[in-house]
PDB file of N, CA and C in Angstrom:
ATOM      1  N   UNK A   1      -5.363 -23.112   6.004  1.00  0.00           N
ATOM      2  CA  UNK A   1      -6.180 -21.935   5.815  1.00  0.00           C
ATOM      3  C   UNK A   1      -6.296 -21.705   4.975  1.00  0.00           C
ATOM      4  N   UNK A   2      -8.188 -21.270   5.095  1.00  0.00           N
ATOM      5  CA  UNK A   2      -8.931 -20.948   3.911  1.00  0.00           C
ATOM      6  C   UNK A   2      -8.946 -19.507   3.141  1.00  0.00           C
ATOM      7  N   UNK A   3      -9.275 -19.093   2.039  1.00  0.00           N
ATOM      8  CA  UNK A   3      -8.473 -18.055   1.522  1.00  0.00           C
ATOM      9  C   UNK A   3      -9.379 -17.007   1.331  1.00  0.00           C
ATOM     10  N   UNK A   4     -10.475 -16.830   2.140  1.00  0.00           N
ATOM     11  CA  UNK A   4     -10.930 -15.585   2.810  1.00  0.00           C
ATOM     12  C   UNK A   4     -10.180 -15.576   4.744  1.00  0.00           C
ATOM     13  N   UNK A   5      -9.353 -16.433   4.842  1.00  0.00           N
ATOM     14  CA  UNK A   5      -9.176 -16.041   6.047  1.00  0.00           C
ATOM     15  C   UNK A   5      -7.592 -15.627   6.540  1.00  0.00           C
ATOM     16  N   UNK A   6      -6.826 -16.259   5.122  1.00  0.00           N
ATOM     17  CA  UNK A   6      -5.823 -15.627   4.937  1.00  0.00           C
ATOM     18  C   UNK A   6      -5.591 -14.177   4.099  1.00  0.00           C
ATOM     19  N   UNK A   7      -6.384 -13.753   3.299  1.00  0.00           N
ATOM     20  CA  UNK A   7      -6.688 -11.866   3.220  1.00  0.00           C
ATOM     21  C   UNK A   7      -7.305 -11.931   4.359  1.00  0.00           C
ATOM     22  N   UNK A   8      -7.766 -12.353   4.855  1.00  0.00           N
ATOM     23  CA  UNK A   8      -8.511 -10.917   6.253  1.00  0.00           C
ATOM     24  C   UNK A   8      -7.233 -10.717   7.284  1.00  0.00           C
ATOM     25  N   UNK A   9      -6.498 -12.693   7.148  1.00  0.00           N
ATOM     26  CA  UNK A   9      -4.455 -11.942   7.999  1.00  0.00           C
ATOM     27  C   UNK A   9      -4.027 -11.051   7.143  1.00  0.00           C
ATOM     28  N   UNK A  10      -3.990 -10.231   5.911  1.00  0.00           N
ATOM     29  CA  UNK A  10      -3.212 -10.106   5.722  1.00  0.00           C
ATOM     30  C   UNK A  10      -4.040  -8.462   5.858  1.00  0.00           C
ATOM     31  N   UNK A  11      -5.359  -8.489   6.198  1.00  0.00           N
ATOM     32  CA  UNK A  11      -6.115  -7.093   5.633  1.00  0.00           C
ATOM     33  C   UNK A  11      -5.620  -6.547   7.268  1.00  0.00           C
ATOM     34  N   UNK A  12      -5.694  -7.413   8.117  1.00  0.00           N
ATOM     35  CA  UNK A  12      -5.230  -7.029   9.879  1.00  0.00           C
ATOM     36  C   UNK A  12      -3.957  -6.305   9.740  1.00  0.00           C
ATOM     37  N   UNK A  13      -3.003  -7.354   8.912  1.00  0.00           N
ATOM     38  CA  UNK A  13      -2.216  -7.189   9.136  1.00  0.00           C
ATOM     39  C   UNK A  13      -1.463  -5.639   8.618  1.00  0.00           C
ATOM     40  N   UNK A  14      -2.267  -5.631   7.740  1.00  0.00           N
ATOM     41  CA  UNK A  14      -1.870  -3.682   7.366  1.00  0.00           C
ATOM     42  C   UNK A  14      -2.411  -2.925   8.182  1.00  0.00           C
ATOM     43  N   UNK A  15      -4.026  -3.319   8.610  1.00  0.00           N
ATOM     44  CA  UNK A  15      -4.515  -2.449   9.889  1.00  0.00           C
ATOM     45  C   UNK A  15      -3.138  -2.132  10.952  1.00  0.00           C
ATOM     46  N   UNK A  16      -2.404  -2.560  11.392  1.00  0.00           N
ATOM     47  CA  UNK A  16      -2.181  -3.041  12.498  1.00  0.00           C
ATOM     48  C   UNK A  16      -0.185  -2.105  12.085  1.00  0.00           C
ATOM     49  N   UNK A  17      -0.439  -1.782  11.009  1.00  0.00           N
ATOM     50  CA  UNK A  17       0.858  -1.577  10.879  1.00  0.00           C
ATOM     51  C   UNK A  17       0.633   0.044  10.261  1.00  0.00           C
ATOM     52  N   UNK A  18      -0.677   0.377   9.499  1.00  0.00           N
ATOM     53  CA  UNK A  18      -0.675   1.586   9.833  1.00  0.00           C
ATOM     54  C   UNK A  18      -1.804   2.480  10.863  1.00  0.00           C
ATOM     55  N   UNK A  19      -1.805   1.356  12.526  1.00  0.00           N
ATOM     56  CA  UNK A  19      -1.716   1.978  13.217  1.00  0.00           C
ATOM     57  C   UNK A  19      -3.180   2.265  14.183  1.00  0.00           C
ATOM     58  N   UNK A  20      -4.211   1.585  12.710  1.00  0.00           N
ATOM     59  CA  UNK A  20      -5.535   1.830  13.465  1.00  0.00           C
ATOM     60  C   UNK A  20      -5.800   0.690  14.536  1.00  0.00           C
ATOM     61  N   UNK A  21      -7.269   0.648  14.866  1.00  0.00           N
ATOM     62  CA  UNK A  21      -7.621   0.222  16.021  1.00  0.00           C
ATOM     63  C   UNK A  21      -8.412  -0.347  15.531  1.00  0.00           C
ATOM     64  N   UNK A  22      -8.649  -2.391  15.702  1.00  0.00           N
ATOM     65  CA  UNK A  22      -9.728  -2.586  15.341  1.00  0.00           C
ATOM     66  C   UNK A  22     -10.162  -4.009  15.950  1.00  0.00           C
ATOM     67  N   UNK A  23     -11.281  -4.746  16.140  1.00  0.00           N
ATOM     68  CA  UNK A  23     -11.494  -6.012  16.771  1.00  0.00           C
ATOM     69  C   UNK A  23     -12.197  -6.767  15.321  1.00  0.00           C
ATOM     70  N   UNK A  24     -11.866  -8.208  15.494  1.00  0.00           N
ATOM     71  CA  UNK A  24     -12.319  -9.009  14.406  1.00  0.00           C
ATOM     72  C   UNK A  24     -14.104  -9.405  15.621  1.00  0.00           C
ATOM     73  N   UNK A  25     -14.801  -9.291  14.494  1.00  0.00           N
ATOM     74  CA  UNK A  25     -16.010  -9.517  14.781  1.00  0.00           C
ATOM     75  C   UNK A  25     -16.496 -10.983  15.409  1.00  0.00           C
ATOM     76  N   UNK A  26     -17.100 -11.924  15.981  1.00  0.00           N
ATOM     77  CA  UNK A  26     -17.530 -13.018  15.768  1.00  0.00           C
ATOM     78  C   UNK A  26     -18.884 -13.413  16.228  1.00  0.00           C
ATOM     79  N   UNK A  27     -19.330 -13.330  14.930  1.00  0.00           N
ATOM     80  CA  UNK A  27     -21.039 -13.536  15.111  1.00  0.00           C
ATOM     81  C   UNK A  27     -21.327 -15.385  15.126  1.00  0.00           C
ATOM     82  N   UNK A  28     -22.619 -15.235  15.984  1.00  0.00           N
ATOM     83  CA  UNK A  28     -23.061 -16.450  15.540  1.00  0.00           C
ATOM     84  C   UNK A  28     -23.152 -17.089  17.242  1.00  0.00           C
ATOM     85  N   UNK A  29     -22.626 -16.780  17.937  1.00  0.00           N
ATOM     86  CA  UNK A  29     -23.025 -16.843  19.987  1.00  0.00           C
ATOM     87  C   UNK A  29     -24.302 -16.475  20.020  1.00  0.00           C
ATOM     88  N   UNK A  30     -24.200 -16.737  21.419  1.00  0.00           N
ATOM     89  CA  UNK A  30     -25.681 -16.197  21.653  1.00  0.00           C
ATOM     90  C   UNK A  30     -25.952 -14.851  22.157  1.00  0.00           C
ATOM     91  N   UNK A  31     -24.603 -14.101  22.636  1.00  0.00           N
ATOM     92  CA  UNK A  31     -24.400 -13.137  23.116  1.00  0.00           C
ATOM     93  C   UNK A  31     -23.683 -11.545  21.790  1.00  0.00           C
ATOM     94  N   UNK A  32     -23.969 -12.182  20.254  1.00  0.00           N
ATOM     95  CA  UNK A  32     -23.413 -11.475  19.193  1.00  0.00           C
ATOM     96  C   UNK A  32     -24.915 -11.306  18.822  1.00  0.00           C
ATOM     97  N   UNK A  33     -24.561 -10.798  17.170  1.00  0.00           N
ATOM     98  CA  UNK A  33     -25.450 -10.478  16.369  1.00  0.00           C
ATOM     99  C   UNK A  33     -25.145 -10.584  14.729  1.00  0.00           C
ATOM    100  N   UNK A  34     -25.648 -11.737  14.500  1.00  0.00           N
ATOM    101  CA  UNK A  34     -25.132 -12.557  12.923  1.00  0.00           C
ATOM    102  C   UNK A  34     -25.413 -11.085  12.021  1.00  0.00           C
ATOM    103  N   UNK A  35     -24.650 -11.248  10.732  1.00  0.00           N
ATOM    104  CA  UNK A  35     -24.140 -10.465   9.894  1.00  0.00           C
ATOM    105  C   UNK A  35     -23.956  -9.112  10.009  1.00  0.00           C
ATOM    106  N   UNK A  36     -22.910  -8.766  10.890  1.00  0.00           N
ATOM    107  CA  UNK A  36     -22.118  -7.271  11.578  1.00  0.00           C
ATOM    108  C   UNK A  36     -20.816  -7.979  10.707  1.00  0.00           C
ATOM    109  N   UNK A  37     -20.163  -6.647  10.233  1.00  0.00           N
ATOM    110  CA  UNK A  37     -19.007  -7.132   9.677  1.00  0.00           C
ATOM    111  C   UNK A  37     -18.499  -7.675  10.405  1.00  0.00           C
ATOM    112  N   UNK A  38     -16.801  -8.063   9.206  1.00  0.00           N
ATOM    113  CA  UNK A  38     -15.860  -9.280  10.182  1.00  0.00           C
ATOM    114  C   UNK A  38     -14.883  -8.208  10.867  1.00  0.00           C
ATOM    115  N   UNK A  39     -14.140  -7.070  10.535  1.00  0.00           N
ATOM    116  CA  UNK A  39     -13.756  -6.340  11.481  1.00  0.00           C
ATOM    117  C   UNK A  39     -14.604  -4.453  11.382  1.00  0.00           C
ATOM    118  N   UNK A  40     -14.354  -4.319  12.654  1.00  0.00           N
ATOM    119  CA  UNK A  40     -15.190  -3.337  13.050  1.00  0.00           C
ATOM    120  C   UNK A  40     -13.320  -1.999  13.653  1.00  0.00           C
ATOM    121  N   UNK A  41     -13.437  -1.332  12.686  1.00  0.00           N
ATOM    122  CA  UNK A  41     -12.465  -0.398  13.021  1.00  0.00           C
ATOM    123  C   UNK A  41     -12.241   1.242  13.595  1.00  0.00           C
ATOM    124  N   UNK A  42     -11.361   1.392  13.549  1.00  0.00           N
ATOM    125  CA  UNK A  42     -11.418   2.676  13.730  1.00  0.00           C
ATOM    126  C   UNK A  42     -10.049   3.600  13.443  1.00  0.00           C
ATOM    127  N   UNK A  43     -10.089   3.972  12.687  1.00  0.00           N
ATOM    128  CA  UNK A  43      -9.085   4.650  11.556  1.00  0.00           C
ATOM    129  C   UNK A  43      -9.207   6.597  11.659  1.00  0.00           C
ATOM    130  N   UNK A  44      -8.121   6.881  12.391  1.00  0.00           N
ATOM    131  CA  UNK A  44      -7.890   8.365  12.920  1.00  0.00           C
ATOM    132  C   UNK A  44      -9.535   8.897  12.802  1.00  0.00           C
ATOM    133  N   UNK A  45     -10.222   8.497  14.158  1.00  0.00           N
ATOM    134  CA  UNK A  45     -11.421   9.241  14.748  1.00  0.00           C
ATOM    135  C   UNK A  45     -12.454   8.707  13.418  1.00  0.00           C
ATOM    136  N   UNK A  46     -12.428   7.524  12.718  1.00  0.00           N
ATOM    137  CA  UNK A  46     -13.373   7.852  11.343  1.00  0.00           C
ATOM    138  C   UNK A  46     -14.142   5.575  12.028  1.00  0.00           C
ATOM    139  N   UNK A  47     -14.971   5.517  11.908  1.00  0.00           N
ATOM    140  CA  UNK A  47     -15.567   4.094  12.154  1.00  0.00           C
ATOM    141  C   UNK A  47     -15.617   3.315  10.555  1.00  0.00           C
ATOM    142  N   UNK A  48     -15.158   2.156  10.501  1.00  0.00           N
ATOM    143  CA  UNK A  48     -14.765   1.491   8.979  1.00  0.00           C
ATOM    144  C   UNK A  48     -15.472   0.572   9.674  1.00  0.00           C
ATOM    145  N   UNK A  49     -15.919  -0.548   8.620  1.00  0.00           N
ATOM    146  CA  UNK A  49     -16.308  -1.511   8.343  1.00  0.00           C
ATOM    147  C   UNK A  49     -15.480  -2.477   7.739  1.00  0.00           C
ATOM    148  N   UNK A  50     -14.922  -3.565   7.222  1.00  0.00           N
ATOM    149  CA  UNK A  50     -15.107  -4.171   5.689  1.00  0.00           C
ATOM    150  C   UNK A  50     -15.594  -5.760   6.200  1.00  0.00           C
ATOM    151  N   UNK A  51     -16.117  -6.205   5.335  1.00  0.00           N
ATOM    152  CA  UNK A  51     -16.904  -7.368   5.169  1.00  0.00           C
ATOM    153  C   UNK A  51     -15.906  -8.329   4.805  1.00  0.00           C
ATOM    154  N   UNK A  52     -15.084  -9.082   5.219  1.00  0.00           N
ATOM    155  CA  UNK A  52     -13.727  -9.698   4.307  1.00  0.00           C
ATOM    156  C   UNK A  52     -14.360 -11.361   3.491  1.00  0.00           C
ATOM    157  N   UNK A  53     -14.296 -11.051   2.197  1.00  0.00           N
ATOM    158  CA  UNK A  53     -14.224 -11.858   1.456  1.00  0.00           C
ATOM    159  C   UNK A  53     -13.747 -12.682   0.704  1.00  0.00           C
ATOM    160  N   UNK A  54     -13.789 -14.204   0.341  1.00  0.00           N
ATOM    161  CA  UNK A  54     -13.174 -14.682  -1.145  1.00  0.00           C
ATOM    162  C   UNK A  54     -13.201 -13.965  -2.003  1.00  0.00           C
ATOM    163  N   UNK A  55     -12.399 -14.035  -3.148  1.00  0.00           N
ATOM    164  CA  UNK A  55     -12.645 -13.204  -4.131  1.00  0.00           C
ATOM    165  C   UNK A  55     -14.254 -14.076  -5.744  1.00  0.00           C
ATOM    166  N   UNK A  56     -14.593 -15.337  -4.506  1.00  0.00           N
ATOM    167  CA  UNK A  56     -15.792 -15.538  -5.286  1.00  0.00           C
ATOM    168  C   UNK A  56     -16.770 -15.769  -4.011  1.00  0.00           C
ATOM    169  N   UNK A  57     -16.218 -14.831  -2.663  1.00  0.00           N
ATOM    170  CA  UNK A  57     -17.628 -15.221  -2.150  1.00  0.00           C
ATOM    171  C   UNK A  57     -18.271 -14.032  -2.528  1.00  0.00           C
ATOM    172  N   UNK A  58     -19.836 -14.214  -2.087  1.00  0.00           N
ATOM    173  CA  UNK A  58     -20.774 -13.128  -1.286  1.00  0.00           C
ATOM    174  C   UNK A  58     -21.325 -13.396   0.023  1.00  0.00           C
ATOM    175  N   UNK A  59     -21.441 -11.805  -0.188  1.00  0.00           N
ATOM    176  CA  UNK A  59     -22.323 -11.185   1.531  1.00  0.00           C
ATOM    177  C   UNK A  59     -23.718 -11.522   1.633  1.00  0.00           C
ATOM    178  N   UNK A  60     -24.319 -12.086   2.717  1.00  0.00           N
ATOM    179  CA  UNK A  60     -25.356 -12.584   3.097  1.00  0.00           C
ATOM    180  C   UNK A  60     -26.557 -11.386   2.951  1.00  0.00           C
ATOM    181  N   UNK A  61     -27.775 -10.924   2.967  1.00  0.00           N
ATOM    182  CA  UNK A  61     -28.321 -10.586   2.534  1.00  0.00           C
ATOM    183  C   UNK A  61     -28.714  -9.571   3.632  1.00  0.00           C
ATOM    184  N   UNK A  62     -28.447 -10.028   5.107  1.00  0.00           N
ATOM    185  CA  UNK A  62     -27.885  -9.960   6.928  1.00  0.00           C
ATOM    186  C   UNK A  62     -26.902  -8.250   6.102  1.00  0.00           C
ATOM    187  N   UNK A  63     -25.553  -9.499   5.587  1.00  0.00           N
ATOM    188  CA  UNK A  63     -24.361  -8.782   5.784  1.00  0.00           C
ATOM    189  C   UNK A  63     -24.690  -7.563   5.496  1.00  0.00           C
ATOM    190  N   UNK A  64     -25.229  -7.434   3.752  1.00  0.00           N
ATOM    191  CA  UNK A  64     -25.321  -6.030   2.750  1.00  0.00           C
ATOM    192  C   UNK A  64     -26.719  -4.904   3.573  1.00  0.00           C
ATOM    193  N   UNK A  65     -27.218  -5.489   4.183  1.00  0.00           N
ATOM    194  CA  UNK A  65     -28.148  -4.510   5.475  1.00  0.00           C
ATOM    195  C   UNK A  65     -27.611  -3.794   5.998  1.00  0.00           C
ATOM    196  N   UNK A  66     -26.481  -4.831   7.107  1.00  0.00           N
ATOM    197  CA  UNK A  66     -26.190  -3.883   8.036  1.00  0.00           C
ATOM    198  C   UNK A  66     -24.502  -3.004   7.376  1.00  0.00           C
ATOM    199  N   UNK A  67     -24.305  -3.494   6.274  1.00  0.00           N
ATOM    200  CA  UNK A  67     -23.471  -2.395   5.475  1.00  0.00           C
ATOM    201  C   UNK A  67     -24.270  -1.550   5.132  1.00  0.00           C
ATOM    202  N   UNK A  68     -25.399  -1.029   4.916  1.00  0.00           N
ATOM    203  CA  UNK A  68     -26.000  -0.287   4.181  1.00  0.00           C
ATOM    204  C   UNK A  68     -26.297   0.649   5.659  1.00  0.00           C
ATOM    205  N   UNK A  69     -26.693  -0.177   6.767  1.00  0.00           N
ATOM    206  CA  UNK A  69     -26.934   0.757   7.456  1.00  0.00           C
ATOM    207  C   UNK A  69     -25.929   1.317   7.925  1.00  0.00           C
ATOM    208  N   UNK A  70     -24.739   0.549   8.431  1.00  0.00           N
ATOM    209  CA  UNK A  70     -23.773   1.762   8.700  1.00  0.00           C
ATOM    210  C   UNK A  70     -23.143   2.788   7.698  1.00  0.00           C
ATOM    211  N   UNK A  71     -23.461   2.811   7.278  1.00  0.00           N
ATOM    212  CA  UNK A  71     -23.128   3.768   5.498  1.00  0.00           C
ATOM    213  C   UNK A  71     -24.684   5.133   6.339  1.00  0.00           C
ATOM    214  N   UNK A  72     -25.411   4.572   5.558  1.00  0.00           N
ATOM    215  CA  UNK A  72     -26.315   5.422   6.574  1.00  0.00           C
ATOM    216  C   UNK A  72     -26.149   6.018   7.772  1.00  0.00           C
ATOM    217  N   UNK A  73     -25.702   5.495   9.048  1.00  0.00           N
ATOM    218  CA  UNK A  73     -25.118   6.457  10.053  1.00  0.00           C
ATOM    219  C   UNK A  73     -23.426   7.371   9.747  1.00  0.00           C
ATOM    220  N   UNK A  74     -23.632   7.290   8.708  1.00  0.00           N
ATOM    221  CA  UNK A  74     -21.871   8.039   7.957  1.00  0.00           C
ATOM    222  C   UNK A  74     -20.889   7.219   8.720  1.00  0.00           C
ATOM    223  N   UNK A  75     -20.987   5.645   8.892  1.00  0.00           N
ATOM    224  CA  UNK A  75     -19.519   4.772   8.789  1.00  0.00           C
ATOM    225  C   UNK A  75     -19.054   4.812   7.127  1.00  0.00           C
ATOM    226  N   UNK A  76     -18.177   3.575   7.784  1.00  0.00           N
ATOM    227  CA  UNK A  76     -17.446   3.098   6.000  1.00  0.00           C
ATOM    228  C   UNK A  76     -17.841   1.624   6.244  1.00  0.00           C
ATOM    229  N   UNK A  77     -18.503   1.629   5.423  1.00  0.00           N
ATOM    230  CA  UNK A  77     -18.900   0.030   5.015  1.00  0.00           C
ATOM    231  C   UNK A  77     -18.684  -0.674   3.699  1.00  0.00           C
ATOM    232  N   UNK A  78     -17.754  -1.735   3.653  1.00  0.00           N
ATOM    233  CA  UNK A  78     -17.534  -2.652   2.553  1.00  0.00           C
ATOM    234  C   UNK A  78     -17.421  -3.569   2.991  1.00  0.00           C
ATOM    235  N   UNK A  79     -17.888  -4.107   1.422  1.00  0.00           N
ATOM    236  CA  UNK A  79     -17.378  -5.709   1.216  1.00  0.00           C
ATOM    237  C   UNK A  79     -16.535  -5.687   0.370  1.00  0.00           C
ATOM    238  N   UNK A  80     -15.411  -6.153   1.159  1.00  0.00           N
ATOM    239  CA  UNK A  80     -14.083  -6.377   1.003  1.00  0.00           C
ATOM    240  C   UNK A  80     -13.575  -7.574   0.127  1.00  0.00           C
ATOM    241  N   UNK A  81     -12.591  -7.789  -1.140  1.00  0.00           N
ATOM    242  CA  UNK A  81     -12.446  -8.520  -2.110  1.00  0.00           C
ATOM    243  C   UNK A  81     -11.204  -8.506  -1.787  1.00  0.00           C
ATOM    244  N   UNK A  82     -10.269  -9.412  -2.481  1.00  0.00           N
ATOM    245  CA  UNK A  82      -8.771  -9.830  -2.333  1.00  0.00           C
ATOM    246  C   UNK A  82      -8.524  -8.753  -3.307  1.00  0.00           C
ATOM    247  N   UNK A  83      -9.146  -8.795  -4.810  1.00  0.00           N
ATOM    248  CA  UNK A  83      -8.646  -7.793  -5.818  1.00  0.00           C
ATOM    249  C   UNK A  83      -8.808  -6.380  -5.588  1.00  0.00           C
ATOM    250  N   UNK A  84      -9.566  -5.940  -4.725  1.00  0.00           N
ATOM    251  CA  UNK A  84      -9.793  -4.622  -4.187  1.00  0.00           C
ATOM    252  C   UNK A  84      -9.149  -4.192  -3.024  1.00  0.00           C
ATOM    253  N   UNK A  85      -7.547  -5.184  -2.416  1.00  0.00           N
ATOM    254  CA  UNK A  85      -6.560  -4.885  -1.347  1.00  0.00           C
ATOM    255  C   UNK A  85      -6.218  -3.338  -1.515  1.00  0.00           C
ATOM    256  N   UNK A  86      -5.948  -3.164  -2.271  1.00  0.00           N
ATOM    257  CA  UNK A  86      -4.486  -1.903  -2.595  1.00  0.00           C
ATOM    258  C   UNK A  86      -5.533  -0.607  -2.785  1.00  0.00           C
ATOM    259  N   UNK A  87      -6.670  -0.831  -3.166  1.00  0.00           N
ATOM    260  CA  UNK A  87      -7.359   0.310  -3.109  1.00  0.00           C
ATOM    261  C   UNK A  87      -8.100   0.570  -1.341  1.00  0.00           C
ATOM    262  N   UNK A  88      -8.277  -0.434  -0.688  1.00  0.00           N
ATOM    263  CA  UNK A  88      -8.671  -0.709   0.485  1.00  0.00           C
ATOM    264  C   UNK A  88      -7.499   0.135   1.639  1.00  0.00           C
ATOM    265  N   UNK A  89      -6.027  -0.044   0.868  1.00  0.00           N
ATOM    266  CA  UNK A  89      -4.935   0.419   1.786  1.00  0.00           C
ATOM    267  C   UNK A  89      -4.612   2.164   1.631  1.00  0.00           C
ATOM    268  N   UNK A  90      -5.277   2.205  -0.038  1.00  0.00           N
ATOM    269  CA  UNK A  90      -5.258   3.828  -0.293  1.00  0.00           C
ATOM    270  C   UNK A  90      -5.851   4.539   0.357  1.00  0.00           C
ATOM    271  N   UNK A  91      -7.471   3.955   0.676  1.00  0.00           N
ATOM    272  CA  UNK A  91      -8.476   4.823   1.507  1.00  0.00           C
ATOM    273  C   UNK A  91      -8.257   5.016   2.717  1.00  0.00           C
ATOM    274  N   UNK A  92      -7.309   3.943   3.929  1.00  0.00           N
ATOM    275  CA  UNK A  92      -6.773   3.663   4.792  1.00  0.00           C
ATOM    276  C   UNK A  92      -6.222   4.847   5.150  1.00  0.00           C
ATOM    277  N   UNK A  93      -5.301   5.363   3.785  1.00  0.00           N
ATOM    278  CA  UNK A  93      -4.021   5.914   4.122  1.00  0.00           C
ATOM    279  C   UNK A  93      -4.452   7.355   3.533  1.00  0.00           C
ATOM    280  N   UNK A  94      -5.616   7.449   3.116  1.00  0.00           N
ATOM    281  CA  UNK A  94      -6.242   8.663   2.763  1.00  0.00           C
ATOM    282  C   UNK A  94      -6.991   8.977   3.474  1.00  0.00           C
ATOM    283  N   UNK A  95      -7.649   8.269   4.660  1.00  0.00           N
ATOM    284  CA  UNK A  95      -8.362   8.631   6.202  1.00  0.00           C
ATOM    285  C   UNK A  95      -7.304   8.731   7.095  1.00  0.00           C
ATOM    286  N   UNK A  96      -6.277   8.095   7.045  1.00  0.00           N
ATOM    287  CA  UNK A  96      -5.203   9.293   7.820  1.00  0.00           C
ATOM    288  C   UNK A  96      -5.159  10.671   7.829  1.00  0.00           C
ATOM    289  N   UNK A  97      -5.432  10.792   6.170  1.00  0.00           N
ATOM    290  CA  UNK A  97      -5.065  12.573   6.011  1.00  0.00           C
ATOM    291  C   UNK A  97      -6.059  13.211   5.445  1.00  0.00           C
ATOM    292  N   UNK A  98      -6.881  12.576   5.938  1.00  0.00           N
ATOM    293  CA  UNK A  98      -7.919  13.066   6.138  1.00  0.00           C
ATOM    294  C   UNK A  98      -8.794  13.444   4.657  1.00  0.00           C
ATOM    295  N   UNK A  99      -8.505  12.702   3.985  1.00  0.00           N
ATOM    296  CA  UNK A  99      -8.513  12.366   1.681  1.00  0.00           C
ATOM    297  C   UNK A  99      -9.876  11.505   1.598  1.00  0.00           C
ATOM    298  N   UNK A 100     -10.921  11.765   1.353  1.00  0.00           N
ATOM    299  CA  UNK A 100     -11.814   9.824   1.382  1.00  0.00           C
ATOM    300  C   UNK A 100     -12.756  10.018   0.160  1.00  0.00           C
ATOM    301  N   UNK A 101     -13.558  10.038   0.027  1.00  0.00           N
ATOM    302  CA  UNK A 101     -14.326   9.294  -0.443  1.00  0.00           C
ATOM    303  C   UNK A 101     -15.841   8.887   0.460  1.00  0.00           C
ATOM    304  N   UNK A 102     -16.704   9.704   0.395  1.00  0.00           N
ATOM    305  CA  UNK A 102     -17.851   8.947   1.382  1.00  0.00           C
ATOM    306  C   UNK A 102     -18.654   8.192   0.410  1.00  0.00           C
ATOM    307  N   UNK A 103     -18.811   8.752  -0.962  1.00  0.00           N
ATOM    308  CA  UNK A 103     -19.979   7.890  -1.895  1.00  0.00           C
ATOM    309  C   UNK A 103     -19.338   6.825  -2.238  1.00  0.00           C
ATOM    310  N   UNK A 104     -18.037   5.948  -1.735  1.00  0.00           N
ATOM    311  CA  UNK A 104     -17.832   4.791  -2.880  1.00  0.00           C
ATOM    312  C   UNK A 104     -18.871   3.977  -2.662  1.00  0.00           C
ATOM    313  N   UNK A 105     -18.486   2.866  -3.448  1.00  0.00           N
ATOM    314  CA  UNK A 105     -19.263   2.082  -3.497  1.00  0.00           C
ATOM    315  C   UNK A 105     -19.281   0.792  -2.710  1.00  0.00           C
ATOM    316  N   UNK A 106     -20.265   0.439  -2.353  1.00  0.00           N
ATOM    317  CA  UNK A 106     -20.250  -0.539  -1.087  1.00  0.00           C
ATOM    318  C   UNK A 106     -19.450  -2.167  -1.456  1.00  0.00           C
ATOM    319  N   UNK A 107     -19.444  -2.672  -2.537  1.00  0.00           N
ATOM    320  CA  UNK A 107     -18.899  -3.992  -3.241  1.00  0.00           C
ATOM    321  C   UNK A 107     -17.250  -3.295  -3.660  1.00  0.00           C
ATOM    322  N   UNK A 108     -16.415  -3.637  -3.129  1.00  0.00           N
ATOM    323  CA  UNK A 108     -14.996  -3.348  -3.967  1.00  0.00           C
ATOM    324  C   UNK A 108     -14.130  -4.554  -4.485  1.00  0.00           C
ATOM    325  N   UNK A 109     -14.277  -4.689  -5.565  1.00  0.00           N
ATOM    326  CA  UNK A 109     -13.331  -5.622  -6.466  1.00  0.00           C
ATOM    327  C   UNK A 109     -13.244  -5.318  -7.272  1.00  0.00           C
TER     328      UNK A 109
END
């Protein structure tokens, strides 16, 4: 299994432990849009959409565009790298307690 998939599985396991609702978004079929973040989550009523990358991965321009649109609409979206996993975990815990920073960066490394 690749590094990105391993990391995605860690993120999903953590979200399950925290009681978050989420789906894995599969792009590339006739009925789905390209460039949508990997996970679509609801955490304590907040829309969160991380694009999961291995440490050396880079988001496409369409992924970056959609992350920006989600943020403009008031949701939380970011490119999430393994080196920022602890930060993401704290962010999820803070969302559960309604303590969060809406202005955090788009790329979490």
